[in-house]
Protein backbone atom coordinates (compact mmCIF):
# COMPACT_ATOMS: atom_id res chain seq x y z
CA MET A 1 20.12 0.62 -5.57
CA ALA A 2 23.24 -1.28 -6.45
CA ALA A 3 26.49 -1.24 -4.52
CA PRO A 4 29.32 0.88 -5.92
CA LEU A 5 31.51 -0.73 -8.55
CA GLY A 6 34.22 -2.77 -6.88
CA ASN A 7 32.32 -3.16 -3.57
CA GLN A 8 33.53 -6.43 -2.04
CA ASN A 9 31.41 -6.44 1.15
CA ALA A 10 29.19 -9.31 -0.04
CA ALA A 11 32.23 -11.38 -1.05
CA LYS A 12 33.82 -10.86 2.38
CA ALA A 13 30.60 -11.94 4.08
CA LYS A 14 30.56 -15.12 2.01
CA VAL A 15 34.16 -15.93 3.02
CA TRP A 16 33.20 -15.65 6.70
CA GLN A 17 30.04 -17.70 6.15
CA ALA A 18 32.04 -20.38 4.32
CA ALA A 19 34.54 -20.59 7.20
CA ILE A 20 31.76 -21.02 9.75
CA ASN A 21 30.10 -23.68 7.59
CA ARG A 22 33.39 -25.60 7.27
CA ALA A 23 33.92 -25.51 11.05
CA LEU A 24 30.37 -26.71 11.70
CA GLU A 25 30.72 -29.49 9.14
CA ALA A 26 33.98 -30.64 10.75
CA ARG A 27 32.35 -30.71 14.19
CA THR A 28 29.33 -32.55 12.84
CA ARG A 29 31.52 -35.21 11.22
CA ARG A 30 33.42 -35.72 14.48
CA GLU A 31 30.66 -35.35 17.03
CA GLY A 32 27.39 -35.68 15.11
CA LYS A 33 24.42 -33.37 15.56
CA GLU A 34 25.19 -33.12 19.27
CA ALA A 35 27.86 -30.49 18.55
CA ILE A 36 25.42 -28.09 16.89
CA ASP A 37 22.75 -28.89 19.48
CA ALA A 38 25.24 -27.99 22.23
CA LEU A 39 25.90 -24.61 20.58
CA ALA A 40 22.16 -23.95 20.35
CA GLU A 41 21.82 -24.84 24.05
CA LYS A 42 24.59 -22.36 24.94
CA LEU A 43 22.73 -19.65 23.03
CA LEU A 44 19.56 -20.41 24.98
CA GLN A 45 21.44 -20.35 28.28
CA LYS A 46 22.99 -16.96 27.51
CA ALA A 47 19.58 -15.61 26.51
CA GLU A 48 18.08 -16.87 29.79
CA GLU A 49 20.89 -15.08 31.64
CA GLY A 50 19.77 -11.86 29.95
CA GLU A 51 22.74 -11.40 27.63
CA ILE A 52 21.46 -8.87 25.09
CA SER A 53 23.43 -10.21 22.12
CA ALA A 54 22.08 -13.72 22.73
CA LEU A 55 18.53 -12.41 23.08
CA ARG A 56 18.91 -10.45 19.84
CA GLU A 57 20.34 -13.47 17.99
CA LEU A 58 17.57 -15.72 19.27
CA GLY A 59 14.91 -13.22 18.19
CA ASP A 60 16.52 -12.85 14.76
CA ARG A 61 16.62 -16.61 14.29
CA LEU A 62 13.03 -17.16 15.41
CA GLU A 63 11.28 -14.14 13.89
CA GLY A 64 13.73 -12.61 11.42
CA LYS A 65 15.53 -9.30 11.72
CA ALA A 66 13.44 -6.22 12.36
CA ALA A 67 12.82 -3.95 9.36
CA GLN A 68 14.90 -0.78 9.35
CA ALA A 69 13.46 2.55 8.21
CA ILE A 70 15.37 4.69 5.75
CA ILE A 71 15.27 8.28 6.93
CA GLY A 72 17.18 11.47 6.28
CA GLY A 73 19.48 13.07 8.81
CA GLY A 74 17.99 16.55 9.06
CA GLU A 75 16.95 19.64 7.12
CA ASP A 76 19.94 19.44 4.78
CA ASP A 77 19.44 15.71 4.31
CA PRO A 78 15.75 15.07 3.55
CA PRO A 79 14.18 11.60 3.66
CA VAL A 80 14.75 9.36 0.67
CA ARG A 81 12.13 9.80 -2.03
CA THR A 82 11.47 7.54 -4.98
CA VAL A 83 10.34 8.91 -8.32
CA ASN A 84 8.76 6.66 -10.92
CA GLU A 85 8.66 7.82 -14.53
CA ILE A 86 6.79 6.08 -17.31
CA VAL A 87 7.87 6.90 -20.84
CA ILE A 88 5.48 6.01 -23.65
CA ARG A 89 6.69 6.21 -27.24
CA SER A 90 4.98 5.30 -30.42
CA VAL A 91 6.46 2.50 -32.52
CA ASP A 92 7.45 5.02 -35.21
CA ALA A 93 9.29 7.24 -32.70
CA ALA A 94 11.24 4.30 -31.27
CA SER A 95 12.71 3.44 -34.69
CA ASP A 96 14.17 6.96 -35.23
């Protein structure tokens, strides 16, 4: 299912990602790999302290994000259903 026409969410995400990448590249040029290693160490420290967001980030980085189910909201909003339809036409019918 495609995003609605004009949806710019992906473009906004790429702008944020590009900014982070530029900042990391600048640090790496100045301080070498130690800068990124120090950030990784901070993440591990926060996870050890039990900070939920750090634990979640660490899990996502190590094992990937958990799959999310698509469900409906209630009786008026049933679960999502997919319908596959196969249409077979003869060669003669397709040229009409």
